[in-house]
Protein backbone atom coordinates (compact mmCIF):
# COMPACT_ATOMS: atom_id res chain seq x y z
CA MET A 1 -11.61 12.97 -2.46
CA SER A 2 -14.66 14.14 -4.35
CA GLY A 3 -17.16 14.12 -1.49
CA PRO A 4 -18.95 11.53 0.58
CA ARG A 5 -20.38 8.35 -0.88
CA VAL A 6 -24.15 8.82 -0.81
CA PHE A 7 -26.65 6.05 -0.09
CA PRO A 8 -30.34 6.78 -0.72
CA ASP A 9 -31.51 4.58 2.18
CA ILE A 10 -30.53 1.95 4.75
CA ASP A 11 -31.13 -0.91 2.29
CA ALA A 12 -28.62 0.54 -0.17
CA PHE A 13 -26.18 1.05 2.69
CA ALA A 14 -26.69 -2.56 3.86
CA ALA A 15 -25.88 -3.78 0.36
CA ALA A 16 -22.37 -2.36 0.87
CA VAL A 17 -21.48 -4.74 3.73
CA GLY A 18 -17.93 -5.95 3.24
CA GLU A 19 -16.98 -2.98 1.07
CA PRO A 20 -14.76 0.00 1.73
CA LEU A 21 -16.97 3.07 2.16
CA GLY A 22 -14.20 5.51 1.33
CA THR A 23 -11.41 7.66 2.68
CA GLY A 24 -11.70 11.27 3.76
CA PRO A 25 -9.35 14.23 3.38
CA TRP A 26 -6.31 14.92 5.53
CA HIS A 27 -6.64 17.04 8.71
CA GLU A 28 -3.76 18.54 10.65
CA ILE A 29 -3.78 17.96 14.40
CA THR A 30 -2.92 21.25 16.09
CA GLN A 31 -1.69 22.04 19.58
CA GLU A 32 -4.79 24.19 20.03
CA GLN A 33 -7.02 21.13 19.43
CA VAL A 34 -4.96 19.10 21.91
CA ASN A 35 -5.14 21.86 24.54
CA LEU A 36 -8.90 22.29 24.09
CA PHE A 37 -9.39 18.53 24.40
CA ALA A 38 -7.23 18.51 27.55
CA ASP A 39 -9.41 21.28 29.00
CA ALA A 40 -12.63 19.48 28.07
CA THR A 41 -11.53 16.15 29.58
CA GLY A 42 -9.28 17.31 32.40
CA ASP A 43 -6.42 15.22 30.96
CA HIS A 44 -3.46 17.62 31.05
CA GLN A 45 -0.73 14.97 30.97
CA TRP A 46 2.61 16.51 29.97
CA ILE A 47 2.95 14.39 26.80
CA HIS A 48 -0.01 16.36 25.43
CA VAL A 49 0.35 19.91 26.73
CA ASP A 50 3.91 20.59 27.95
CA LEU A 51 5.73 21.35 24.69
CA ALA A 52 9.24 21.54 26.17
CA ARG A 53 8.95 18.38 28.25
CA ALA A 54 7.18 16.48 25.42
CA ALA A 55 10.02 17.42 23.04
CA GLU A 56 12.40 15.62 25.42
CA GLY A 57 9.98 12.72 25.97
CA PRO A 58 9.61 9.34 24.26
CA PHE A 59 7.84 10.70 21.15
CA GLY A 60 10.01 13.79 20.59
CA ALA A 61 6.97 16.06 20.43
CA PRO A 62 3.59 16.54 22.07
CA ILE A 63 1.02 13.96 21.00
CA ALA A 64 -2.75 14.02 20.67
CA HIS A 65 -4.83 12.15 23.18
CA GLY A 66 -5.93 8.79 21.77
CA TYR A 67 -9.49 9.71 22.63
CA LEU A 68 -9.12 12.95 20.68
CA THR A 69 -8.25 10.89 17.62
CA LEU A 70 -11.22 8.59 18.29
CA SER A 71 -13.55 11.57 18.82
CA LEU A 72 -12.90 12.79 15.27
CA ILE A 73 -14.76 9.81 13.77
CA PRO A 74 -18.11 11.71 13.63
CA ARG A 75 -16.35 14.34 11.51
CA PHE A 76 -14.92 11.63 9.28
CA ILE A 77 -18.34 10.00 8.84
CA GLY A 78 -19.70 13.12 7.14
CA GLU A 79 -16.66 13.25 4.88
CA VAL A 80 -16.79 9.57 3.87
CA TYR A 81 -20.46 8.61 3.57
CA ARG A 82 -24.04 9.78 4.01
CA ILE A 83 -27.38 7.97 4.17
CA GLU A 84 -30.04 10.30 2.85
CA SER A 85 -33.32 8.99 4.24
CA LEU A 86 -32.41 8.83 7.94
CA SER A 87 -34.31 10.75 10.58
CA MET A 88 -31.23 10.31 12.77
CA GLY A 89 -28.12 8.30 13.37
CA VAL A 90 -26.72 7.99 16.90
CA ASN A 91 -23.69 6.45 18.53
CA TYR A 92 -24.56 3.08 20.03
CA GLY A 93 -21.07 2.12 21.12
CA LEU A 94 -17.77 0.60 20.14
CA ASN A 95 -16.73 -3.01 19.70
CA LYS A 96 -12.96 -2.62 19.49
CA VAL A 97 -10.55 0.29 19.76
CA ARG A 98 -6.77 0.24 19.45
CA PHE A 99 -4.18 3.02 19.21
CA PRO A 100 -1.20 1.43 17.39
CA GLN A 101 0.77 4.68 16.97
CA PRO A 102 0.63 8.11 18.61
CA VAL A 103 -0.30 11.19 16.60
CA LYS A 104 2.30 13.93 16.98
CA VAL A 105 1.01 17.49 16.98
CA GLY A 106 1.40 18.85 13.45
CA SER A 107 0.71 15.45 11.85
CA ARG A 108 -2.10 14.98 9.37
CA ILE A 109 -4.67 12.22 9.80
CA ARG A 110 -7.66 10.95 7.82
CA GLY A 111 -10.38 8.37 8.23
CA HIS A 112 -10.92 5.27 6.11
CA ALA A 113 -14.14 3.30 6.64
CA GLU A 114 -15.30 -0.24 5.84
CA LEU A 115 -18.84 -1.47 6.46
CA VAL A 116 -18.61 -4.63 8.60
CA SER A 117 -22.25 -5.45 9.29
CA VAL A 118 -25.81 -4.12 9.29
CA THR A 119 -28.40 -5.64 11.63
CA PRO A 120 -32.07 -4.55 11.75
CA GLY A 121 -33.51 -4.11 15.24
CA THR A 122 -36.56 -2.76 17.04
CA GLN A 123 -35.13 0.73 17.64
CA GLY A 124 -33.45 1.00 14.26
CA THR A 125 -30.66 -0.64 12.30
CA GLN A 126 -27.27 -1.21 13.90
CA ALA A 127 -24.32 -0.62 11.58
CA VAL A 128 -20.78 -1.66 12.49
CA VAL A 129 -18.12 0.34 10.66
CA ARG A 130 -14.39 -0.35 10.97
CA TRP A 131 -12.46 2.91 10.98
CA THR A 132 -8.76 3.11 10.31
CA ILE A 133 -7.37 6.53 11.20
CA GLU A 134 -4.26 6.90 9.08
CA ILE A 135 -1.31 9.16 9.82
CA GLU A 136 0.24 10.70 6.72
CA ASN A 137 3.59 9.02 5.86
CA ALA A 138 3.36 6.55 8.77
CA GLU A 139 3.46 2.75 8.58
CA LYS A 140 0.97 2.16 11.38
CA PRO A 141 -2.42 3.81 11.84
CA ALA A 142 -3.20 6.09 14.75
CA CYS A 143 -6.41 4.26 15.59
CA VAL A 144 -8.45 1.27 14.48
CA ALA A 145 -11.97 1.20 15.87
CA GLU A 146 -15.25 -0.58 15.21
CA THR A 147 -18.06 1.87 15.77
CA VAL A 148 -21.67 0.82 16.22
CA GLY A 149 -24.24 3.29 15.01
CA LEU A 150 -28.01 3.13 15.36
CA LEU A 151 -29.64 4.24 12.11
CA VAL A 152 -33.25 5.36 12.35
CA PRO A 153 -35.25 5.82 9.12
């Protein structure tokens, strides 16, 4: 990875509909991240935070919350692409989210993005980006999600 793909403006970004936007670098998921996420959300389920019990559980290790994986997409955006002339970009929502495979603590993940659609609107331009969160050396991804962002020039 040599850095994010840079678009000078929304029109140049819109011209990339149907294209891969890029793939970011690998990031290790640590138990500290999982514990902090559990504290922030109040989700202290044993498969995330009880190392001994999780080691005996169905995944053989503690796993990251699916929503933790999903919440890393804003980080991945900055690593994969940038639109230079925006005054702001905000989350508008999600169309689809699936978690095909759990992320074991200690695994490395990265984000791969494809631009699905760009639709001008009154508040700004809505961009739908399909994110595939890959797990290093795994057949299935950790997460596939369509994010909807509102891009304001």
